[in-house]
Amino acid sequence: MKNYTELDVWKTARKLVKTVYSLTSQFPNTEIYTLTNQINRSVISIPSNIAEGIGRQSDKETIQFLYISKGSLFELETQLFLAHDLEYISEKQLSEVLEEITSVKRLLNGFINYFKNKK
């Protein structure tokens, strides 16, 4: 297995972090300890759990952390829909970030399947 920093899924998840942080920096200050914090924690969890999974000693543990990353991705998606509902992000911004999320989902699913079928 190559270094996790060379993985497309990890690189794409890092790019998503930058996009999301840019969006949440425009949220109202009243959201700093609520939705902004929760969204930022969710998006950080995605590449972090990919990295932690790769650092584990077994494929079973790696898969577990990849699933945690996938769960954070779905949590993030929901929170961004809520941000749109609250009019913190525009339809265009939502659409653009959802495209990035879809890309990470595809890569993550492929990576999970790779580990599942490795045996």
C-alpha atoms as a PDB file:
ATOM      1  CA  MET A   1       0.000   0.000   0.000  1.00  0.00           C
ATOM      2  CA  LYS A   2       1.358   3.386  -0.919  1.00  0.00           C
ATOM      3  CA  ASN A   3       1.501   6.298   1.473  1.00  0.00           C
ATOM      4  CA  TYR A   4      -1.993   7.627   2.226  1.00  0.00           C
ATOM      5  CA  THR A   5      -0.912  11.110   1.094  1.00  0.00           C
ATOM      6  CA  GLU A   6      -0.602   9.740  -2.447  1.00  0.00           C
ATOM      7  CA  LEU A   7      -4.173   8.397  -2.544  1.00  0.00           C
ATOM      8  CA  ASP A   8      -6.681  10.189  -4.779  1.00  0.00           C
ATOM      9  CA  VAL A   9      -9.448   9.654  -2.219  1.00  0.00           C
ATOM     10  CA  TRP A  10      -7.425  11.399   0.492  1.00  0.00           C
ATOM     11  CA  LYS A  11      -6.370  14.251  -1.832  1.00  0.00           C
ATOM     12  CA  THR A  12      -9.955  14.790  -2.992  1.00  0.00           C
ATOM     13  CA  ALA A  13     -11.208  14.757   0.604  1.00  0.00           C
ATOM     14  CA  ARG A  14      -8.598  17.400   1.491  1.00  0.00           C
ATOM     15  CA  LYS A  15      -9.829  19.572  -1.363  1.00  0.00           C
ATOM     16  CA  LEU A  16     -13.361  19.194   0.013  1.00  0.00           C
ATOM     17  CA  VAL A  17     -12.145  20.459   3.407  1.00  0.00           C
ATOM     18  CA  LYS A  18     -10.859  23.633   1.778  1.00  0.00           C
ATOM     19  CA  THR A  19     -14.121  24.173  -0.117  1.00  0.00           C
ATOM     20  CA  VAL A  20     -16.263  23.655   2.974  1.00  0.00           C
ATOM     21  CA  TYR A  21     -14.133  25.897   5.164  1.00  0.00           C
ATOM     22  CA  SER A  22     -14.480  28.612   2.557  1.00  0.00           C
ATOM     23  CA  LEU A  23     -18.269  28.225   2.681  1.00  0.00           C
ATOM     24  CA  THR A  24     -18.544  28.175   6.473  1.00  0.00           C
ATOM     25  CA  SER A  25     -16.342  31.240   6.825  1.00  0.00           C
ATOM     26  CA  GLN A  26     -19.299  33.168   5.391  1.00  0.00           C
ATOM     27  CA  PHE A  27     -21.842  31.843   7.903  1.00  0.00           C
ATOM     28  CA  PRO A  28     -23.263  34.217  10.526  1.00  0.00           C
ATOM     29  CA  ASN A  29     -21.213  34.564  13.703  1.00  0.00           C
ATOM     30  CA  THR A  30     -24.173  33.220  15.662  1.00  0.00           C
ATOM     31  CA  GLU A  31     -23.500  29.818  14.059  1.00  0.00           C
ATOM     32  CA  ILE A  32     -19.823  29.614  15.027  1.00  0.00           C
ATOM     33  CA  TYR A  33     -20.421  27.154  17.885  1.00  0.00           C
ATOM     34  CA  THR A  34     -23.263  25.278  16.247  1.00  0.00           C
ATOM     35  CA  LEU A  35     -23.679  24.527  12.542  1.00  0.00           C
ATOM     36  CA  THR A  36     -20.316  25.994  11.465  1.00  0.00           C
ATOM     37  CA  ASN A  37     -18.476  23.950  14.077  1.00  0.00           C
ATOM     38  CA  GLN A  38     -20.406  20.778  13.281  1.00  0.00           C
ATOM     39  CA  ILE A  39     -19.856  21.092   9.519  1.00  0.00           C
ATOM     40  CA  ASN A  40     -16.140  21.750   9.970  1.00  0.00           C
ATOM     41  CA  ARG A  41     -15.782  18.782  12.323  1.00  0.00           C
ATOM     42  CA  SER A  42     -17.580  16.516   9.852  1.00  0.00           C
ATOM     43  CA  VAL A  43     -15.465  17.526   6.876  1.00  0.00           C
ATOM     44  CA  ILE A  44     -12.192  17.214   8.831  1.00  0.00           C
ATOM     45  CA  SER A  45     -13.205  13.723   9.884  1.00  0.00           C
ATOM     46  CA  ILE A  46     -13.282  12.491   6.276  1.00  0.00           C
ATOM     47  CA  PRO A  47      -9.575  12.654   5.305  1.00  0.00           C
ATOM     48  CA  SER A  48      -8.545  12.098   8.937  1.00  0.00           C
ATOM     49  CA  ASN A  49     -10.293   8.734   9.120  1.00  0.00           C
ATOM     50  CA  ILE A  50      -8.952   7.713   5.713  1.00  0.00           C
ATOM     51  CA  ALA A  51      -5.439   8.387   7.030  1.00  0.00           C
ATOM     52  CA  GLU A  52      -6.091   6.608  10.317  1.00  0.00           C
ATOM     53  CA  GLY A  53      -7.549   3.615   8.505  1.00  0.00           C
ATOM     54  CA  ILE A  54      -4.490   3.262   6.302  1.00  0.00           C
ATOM     55  CA  GLY A  55      -2.329   3.374   9.418  1.00  0.00           C
ATOM     56  CA  ARG A  56      -4.123   0.408  10.944  1.00  0.00           C
ATOM     57  CA  GLN A  57      -2.657  -3.082  11.077  1.00  0.00           C
ATOM     58  CA  SER A  58      -5.395  -5.003   9.302  1.00  0.00           C
ATOM     59  CA  ASP A  59      -7.726  -4.639   6.349  1.00  0.00           C
ATOM     60  CA  LYS A  60     -10.693  -5.129   8.706  1.00  0.00           C
ATOM     61  CA  GLU A  61      -9.638  -2.123  10.798  1.00  0.00           C
ATOM     62  CA  THR A  62      -8.920  -0.085   7.674  1.00  0.00           C
ATOM     63  CA  ILE A  63     -12.403  -0.796   6.322  1.00  0.00           C
ATOM     64  CA  GLN A  64     -13.931   0.221   9.675  1.00  0.00           C
ATOM     65  CA  PHE A  65     -12.269   3.645   9.498  1.00  0.00           C
ATOM     66  CA  LEU A  66     -13.212   4.066   5.842  1.00  0.00           C
ATOM     67  CA  TYR A  67     -16.833   3.481   6.845  1.00  0.00           C
ATOM     68  CA  ILE A  68     -16.498   6.103   9.577  1.00  0.00           C
ATOM     69  CA  SER A  69     -15.205   8.489   6.930  1.00  0.00           C
ATOM     70  CA  LYS A  70     -18.183   7.608   4.724  1.00  0.00           C
ATOM     71  CA  GLY A  71     -20.572   8.297   7.608  1.00  0.00           C
ATOM     72  CA  SER A  72     -18.979  11.721   8.123  1.00  0.00           C
ATOM     73  CA  LEU A  73     -19.442  12.412   4.429  1.00  0.00           C
ATOM     74  CA  PHE A  74     -23.184  11.734   4.662  1.00  0.00           C
ATOM     75  CA  GLU A  75     -23.392  13.811   7.850  1.00  0.00           C
ATOM     76  CA  LEU A  76     -21.648  16.672   6.043  1.00  0.00           C
ATOM     77  CA  GLU A  77     -24.029  16.407   3.104  1.00  0.00           C
ATOM     78  CA  THR A  78     -27.041  16.696   5.405  1.00  0.00           C
ATOM     79  CA  GLN A  79     -25.565  19.677   7.239  1.00  0.00           C
ATOM     80  CA  LEU A  80     -24.929  21.479   3.958  1.00  0.00           C
ATOM     81  CA  PHE A  81     -28.556  20.931   2.937  1.00  0.00           C
ATOM     82  CA  LEU A  82     -29.511  22.496   6.271  1.00  0.00           C
ATOM     83  CA  ALA A  83     -27.164  25.424   5.620  1.00  0.00           C
ATOM     84  CA  HIS A  84     -28.931  25.919   2.307  1.00  0.00           C
ATOM     85  CA  ASP A  85     -32.350  25.701   3.975  1.00  0.00           C
ATOM     86  CA  LEU A  86     -31.200  28.414   6.395  1.00  0.00           C
ATOM     87  CA  GLU A  87     -30.019  30.482   3.418  1.00  0.00           C
ATOM     88  CA  TYR A  88     -26.368  30.449   4.504  1.00  0.00           C
ATOM     89  CA  ILE A  89     -25.309  29.054   1.121  1.00  0.00           C
ATOM     90  CA  SER A  90     -26.842  29.550  -2.308  1.00  0.00           C
ATOM     91  CA  GLU A  91     -28.269  26.893  -4.597  1.00  0.00           C
ATOM     92  CA  LYS A  92     -25.174  27.241  -6.786  1.00  0.00           C
ATOM     93  CA  GLN A  93     -22.797  26.818  -3.839  1.00  0.00           C
ATOM     94  CA  LEU A  94     -24.733  23.785  -2.640  1.00  0.00           C
ATOM     95  CA  SER A  95     -24.674  22.223  -6.087  1.00  0.00           C
ATOM     96  CA  GLU A  96     -20.930  22.759  -6.455  1.00  0.00           C
ATOM     97  CA  VAL A  97     -20.051  21.295  -3.071  1.00  0.00           C
ATOM     98  CA  LEU A  98     -22.417  18.345  -3.644  1.00  0.00           C
ATOM     99  CA  GLU A  99     -20.455  17.543  -6.824  1.00  0.00           C
ATOM    100  CA  GLU A 100     -17.283  17.373  -4.747  1.00  0.00           C
ATOM    101  CA  ILE A 101     -19.041  15.203  -2.168  1.00  0.00           C
ATOM    102  CA  THR A 102     -20.213  12.838  -4.918  1.00  0.00           C
ATOM    103  CA  SER A 103     -16.643  12.559  -6.169  1.00  0.00           C
ATOM    104  CA  VAL A 104     -15.367  11.677  -2.694  1.00  0.00           C
ATOM    105  CA  LYS A 105     -18.218   9.164  -2.274  1.00  0.00           C
ATOM    106  CA  ARG A 106     -17.258   7.396  -5.501  1.00  0.00           C
ATOM    107  CA  LEU A 107     -13.585   7.243  -4.586  1.00  0.00           C
ATOM    108  CA  LEU A 108     -14.329   6.130  -1.039  1.00  0.00           C
ATOM    109  CA  ASN A 109     -16.722   3.395  -2.181  1.00  0.00           C
ATOM    110  CA  GLY A 110     -14.103   2.159  -4.630  1.00  0.00           C
ATOM    111  CA  PHE A 111     -11.465   2.139  -1.921  1.00  0.00           C
ATOM    112  CA  ILE A 112     -13.744   0.244   0.477  1.00  0.00           C
ATOM    113  CA  ASN A 113     -14.487  -2.305  -2.249  1.00  0.00           C
ATOM    114  CA  TYR A 114     -10.762  -2.675  -2.949  1.00  0.00           C
ATOM    115  CA  PHE A 115     -10.127  -3.656   0.672  1.00  0.00           C
ATOM    116  CA  LYS A 116     -13.195  -5.900   0.837  1.00  0.00           C
ATOM    117  CA  ASN A 117     -12.172  -7.814  -2.297  1.00  0.00           C
ATOM    118  CA  LYS A 118      -8.481  -7.897  -1.477  1.00  0.00           C
ATOM    119  CA  LYS A 119      -8.535 -11.398  -0.046  1.00  0.00           C
END
